[in-house]
Amino acid sequence: MYRIKTTAHNSIGQSDDSEELIVAFGRLPEQPPTPTFDSRRCTRFRNVITWTPGTSVDIPVLGYKLYTDNG
């Protein structure tokens, strides 16, 4: 893991430190299984899906993005 802060320096002077950025390098996690549609728990106003997160080897997976369309 790397912790990075930056500053800018020019003829006017030096800036304050930036917010700290934490970066980790590792192998990609396993791809999670495809989400499944849970029709028993769905309503006219809510769709429910279930899925199992993939496994990470080196660093923890903090989240996923799920994209949908009306097609």
N, C-alpha and C. Protein backbone atom coordinates (compact mmCIF):
# COMPACT_ATOMS: atom_id res chain seq x y z
N MET A 1 0.83 -1.18 0.00
CA MET A 1 0.00 0.00 0.00
C MET A 1 0.88 1.24 0.00
N TYR A 2 0.42 2.23 -0.72
CA TYR A 2 1.14 3.49 -0.80
C TYR A 2 0.22 4.61 -0.32
N ARG A 3 0.78 5.53 0.44
CA ARG A 3 0.05 6.72 0.90
C ARG A 3 0.71 7.93 0.24
N ILE A 4 -0.08 8.72 -0.49
CA ILE A 4 0.49 9.80 -1.31
C ILE A 4 -0.18 11.12 -0.94
N LYS A 5 0.65 12.15 -0.74
CA LYS A 5 0.20 13.54 -0.61
C LYS A 5 1.02 14.35 -1.60
N THR A 6 0.43 15.39 -2.17
CA THR A 6 1.15 16.21 -3.12
C THR A 6 1.09 17.68 -2.71
N THR A 7 2.06 18.42 -3.20
CA THR A 7 2.07 19.88 -3.06
C THR A 7 2.50 20.47 -4.39
N ALA A 8 2.12 21.70 -4.61
CA ALA A 8 2.55 22.42 -5.81
C ALA A 8 3.51 23.52 -5.38
N HIS A 9 4.54 23.75 -6.19
CA HIS A 9 5.53 24.77 -5.88
C HIS A 9 5.81 25.55 -7.17
N ASN A 10 5.62 26.87 -7.11
CA ASN A 10 5.92 27.72 -8.27
C ASN A 10 6.46 29.06 -7.77
N SER A 11 6.49 30.06 -8.66
CA SER A 11 7.07 31.37 -8.29
C SER A 11 6.25 32.09 -7.21
N ILE A 12 5.01 31.74 -7.03
CA ILE A 12 4.16 32.37 -6.01
C ILE A 12 4.43 31.77 -4.64
N GLY A 13 4.80 30.51 -4.62
CA GLY A 13 5.06 29.85 -3.35
C GLY A 13 4.67 28.38 -3.40
N GLN A 14 4.43 27.83 -2.24
CA GLN A 14 4.11 26.41 -2.14
C GLN A 14 2.68 26.26 -1.60
N SER A 15 1.96 25.28 -2.14
CA SER A 15 0.59 25.03 -1.69
C SER A 15 0.58 24.18 -0.44
N ASP A 16 -0.57 24.10 0.17
CA ASP A 16 -0.77 23.17 1.28
C ASP A 16 -0.74 21.74 0.75
N ASP A 17 -0.55 20.79 1.64
CA ASP A 17 -0.61 19.38 1.24
C ASP A 17 -2.01 19.03 0.75
N SER A 18 -2.08 18.15 -0.21
CA SER A 18 -3.36 17.65 -0.70
C SER A 18 -3.94 16.65 0.30
N GLU A 19 -5.15 16.22 0.06
CA GLU A 19 -5.72 15.12 0.83
C GLU A 19 -4.87 13.88 0.58
N GLU A 20 -4.81 13.00 1.52
CA GLU A 20 -4.02 11.77 1.36
C GLU A 20 -4.76 10.79 0.46
N LEU A 21 -4.04 10.23 -0.48
CA LEU A 21 -4.57 9.21 -1.38
C LEU A 21 -3.90 7.89 -1.02
N ILE A 22 -4.70 6.86 -0.79
CA ILE A 22 -4.15 5.55 -0.46
C ILE A 22 -4.37 4.63 -1.67
N VAL A 23 -3.30 4.04 -2.15
CA VAL A 23 -3.35 3.19 -3.34
C VAL A 23 -2.76 1.83 -2.98
N ALA A 24 -3.41 0.78 -3.44
CA ALA A 24 -2.90 -0.57 -3.22
C ALA A 24 -2.79 -1.27 -4.56
N PHE A 25 -1.76 -2.04 -4.73
CA PHE A 25 -1.56 -2.81 -5.94
C PHE A 25 -1.65 -4.29 -5.61
N GLY A 26 -2.38 -5.02 -6.40
CA GLY A 26 -2.52 -6.45 -6.17
C GLY A 26 -3.15 -7.11 -7.37
N ARG A 27 -3.31 -8.39 -7.30
CA ARG A 27 -3.96 -9.12 -8.38
C ARG A 27 -5.45 -8.80 -8.41
N LEU A 28 -6.04 -8.88 -9.58
CA LEU A 28 -7.47 -8.64 -9.71
C LEU A 28 -8.25 -9.70 -8.94
N PRO A 29 -9.36 -9.32 -8.31
CA PRO A 29 -10.17 -10.32 -7.61
C PRO A 29 -10.88 -11.21 -8.62
N GLU A 30 -11.33 -12.37 -8.16
CA GLU A 30 -12.12 -13.24 -9.03
C GLU A 30 -13.40 -12.53 -9.41
N GLN A 31 -13.87 -12.78 -10.62
CA GLN A 31 -15.13 -12.18 -11.06
C GLN A 31 -16.28 -12.84 -10.30
N PRO A 32 -17.17 -12.02 -9.72
CA PRO A 32 -18.29 -12.62 -8.99
C PRO A 32 -19.26 -13.30 -9.94
N PRO A 33 -20.04 -14.26 -9.45
CA PRO A 33 -21.04 -14.88 -10.30
C PRO A 33 -22.07 -13.85 -10.77
N THR A 34 -22.74 -14.14 -11.86
CA THR A 34 -23.77 -13.24 -12.38
C THR A 34 -24.90 -13.08 -11.38
N PRO A 35 -25.34 -11.84 -11.11
CA PRO A 35 -26.48 -11.66 -10.21
C PRO A 35 -27.72 -12.35 -10.77
N THR A 36 -28.60 -12.79 -9.86
CA THR A 36 -29.85 -13.42 -10.28
C THR A 36 -31.02 -12.59 -9.81
N PHE A 37 -32.07 -12.58 -10.60
CA PHE A 37 -33.28 -11.82 -10.34
C PHE A 37 -34.16 -12.61 -9.38
N ASP A 38 -34.55 -12.02 -8.26
CA ASP A 38 -35.38 -12.70 -7.26
C ASP A 38 -36.83 -12.24 -7.44
N SER A 39 -37.55 -12.91 -8.32
CA SER A 39 -38.91 -12.48 -8.68
C SER A 39 -39.89 -12.58 -7.51
N ARG A 40 -39.63 -13.44 -6.54
CA ARG A 40 -40.53 -13.58 -5.39
C ARG A 40 -40.53 -12.35 -4.50
N ARG A 41 -39.41 -11.66 -4.43
CA ARG A 41 -39.30 -10.49 -3.55
C ARG A 41 -39.49 -9.17 -4.29
N CYS A 42 -39.70 -9.21 -5.59
CA CYS A 42 -39.86 -8.00 -6.38
C CYS A 42 -41.30 -7.47 -6.28
N THR A 43 -41.44 -6.17 -6.44
CA THR A 43 -42.76 -5.53 -6.50
C THR A 43 -42.79 -4.66 -7.74
N ARG A 44 -43.89 -3.97 -7.90
CA ARG A 44 -44.01 -3.06 -9.05
C ARG A 44 -42.97 -1.94 -8.98
N PHE A 45 -42.56 -1.58 -7.77
CA PHE A 45 -41.66 -0.45 -7.58
C PHE A 45 -40.25 -0.84 -7.16
N ARG A 46 -39.97 -2.15 -7.05
CA ARG A 46 -38.66 -2.58 -6.56
C ARG A 46 -38.25 -3.87 -7.23
N ASN A 47 -37.04 -3.89 -7.74
CA ASN A 47 -36.43 -5.12 -8.26
C ASN A 47 -35.40 -5.60 -7.25
N VAL A 48 -35.36 -6.89 -7.02
CA VAL A 48 -34.43 -7.46 -6.05
C VAL A 48 -33.53 -8.46 -6.77
N ILE A 49 -32.23 -8.30 -6.59
CA ILE A 49 -31.28 -9.26 -7.14
C ILE A 49 -30.47 -9.84 -5.99
N THR A 50 -29.94 -11.02 -6.20
CA THR A 50 -29.05 -11.65 -5.23
C THR A 50 -27.75 -12.04 -5.94
N TRP A 51 -26.66 -12.04 -5.19
CA TRP A 51 -25.39 -12.41 -5.77
C TRP A 51 -24.41 -12.71 -4.64
N THR A 52 -23.32 -13.35 -5.00
CA THR A 52 -22.26 -13.68 -4.07
C THR A 52 -21.01 -12.91 -4.48
N PRO A 53 -20.40 -12.16 -3.56
CA PRO A 53 -19.19 -11.42 -3.93
C PRO A 53 -18.06 -12.36 -4.36
N GLY A 54 -17.20 -11.87 -5.25
CA GLY A 54 -16.02 -12.62 -5.66
C GLY A 54 -14.99 -12.65 -4.54
N THR A 55 -13.98 -13.44 -4.70
CA THR A 55 -12.93 -13.59 -3.69
C THR A 55 -11.72 -12.76 -4.09
N SER A 56 -11.16 -12.04 -3.12
CA SER A 56 -9.97 -11.25 -3.36
C SER A 56 -8.76 -11.98 -2.77
N VAL A 57 -7.63 -11.91 -3.46
CA VAL A 57 -6.43 -12.59 -3.01
C VAL A 57 -5.54 -11.67 -2.18
N ASP A 58 -5.28 -10.47 -2.69
CA ASP A 58 -4.29 -9.57 -2.07
C ASP A 58 -4.89 -8.45 -1.22
N ILE A 59 -5.90 -7.79 -1.76
CA ILE A 59 -6.50 -6.64 -1.06
C ILE A 59 -8.01 -6.81 -1.05
N PRO A 60 -8.69 -6.25 -0.05
CA PRO A 60 -10.14 -6.44 0.04
C PRO A 60 -10.89 -5.69 -1.06
N VAL A 61 -11.99 -6.26 -1.49
CA VAL A 61 -12.89 -5.60 -2.44
C VAL A 61 -13.87 -4.78 -1.62
N LEU A 62 -13.95 -3.49 -1.89
CA LEU A 62 -14.79 -2.61 -1.09
C LEU A 62 -16.16 -2.37 -1.72
N GLY A 63 -16.37 -2.81 -2.95
CA GLY A 63 -17.67 -2.61 -3.57
C GLY A 63 -17.65 -2.99 -5.04
N TYR A 64 -18.82 -3.01 -5.62
CA TYR A 64 -19.00 -3.30 -7.03
C TYR A 64 -19.97 -2.28 -7.61
N LYS A 65 -19.93 -2.08 -8.90
CA LYS A 65 -20.91 -1.27 -9.60
C LYS A 65 -21.77 -2.19 -10.44
N LEU A 66 -23.07 -2.02 -10.33
CA LEU A 66 -24.00 -2.82 -11.09
C LEU A 66 -24.72 -1.90 -12.07
N TYR A 67 -24.68 -2.23 -13.35
CA TYR A 67 -25.31 -1.41 -14.38
C TYR A 67 -26.53 -2.15 -14.93
N THR A 68 -27.59 -1.43 -15.16
CA THR A 68 -28.80 -2.01 -15.74
C THR A 68 -29.28 -1.15 -16.90
N ASP A 69 -30.16 -1.70 -17.70
CA ASP A 69 -30.82 -0.90 -18.75
C ASP A 69 -32.27 -1.38 -18.85
N ASN A 70 -33.05 -0.65 -19.59
CA ASN A 70 -34.47 -0.97 -19.73
C ASN A 70 -34.74 -1.97 -20.83
N GLY A 71 -33.70 -2.51 -21.44
CA GLY A 71 -33.87 -3.43 -22.56
C GLY A 71 -34.05 -4.81 -22.07
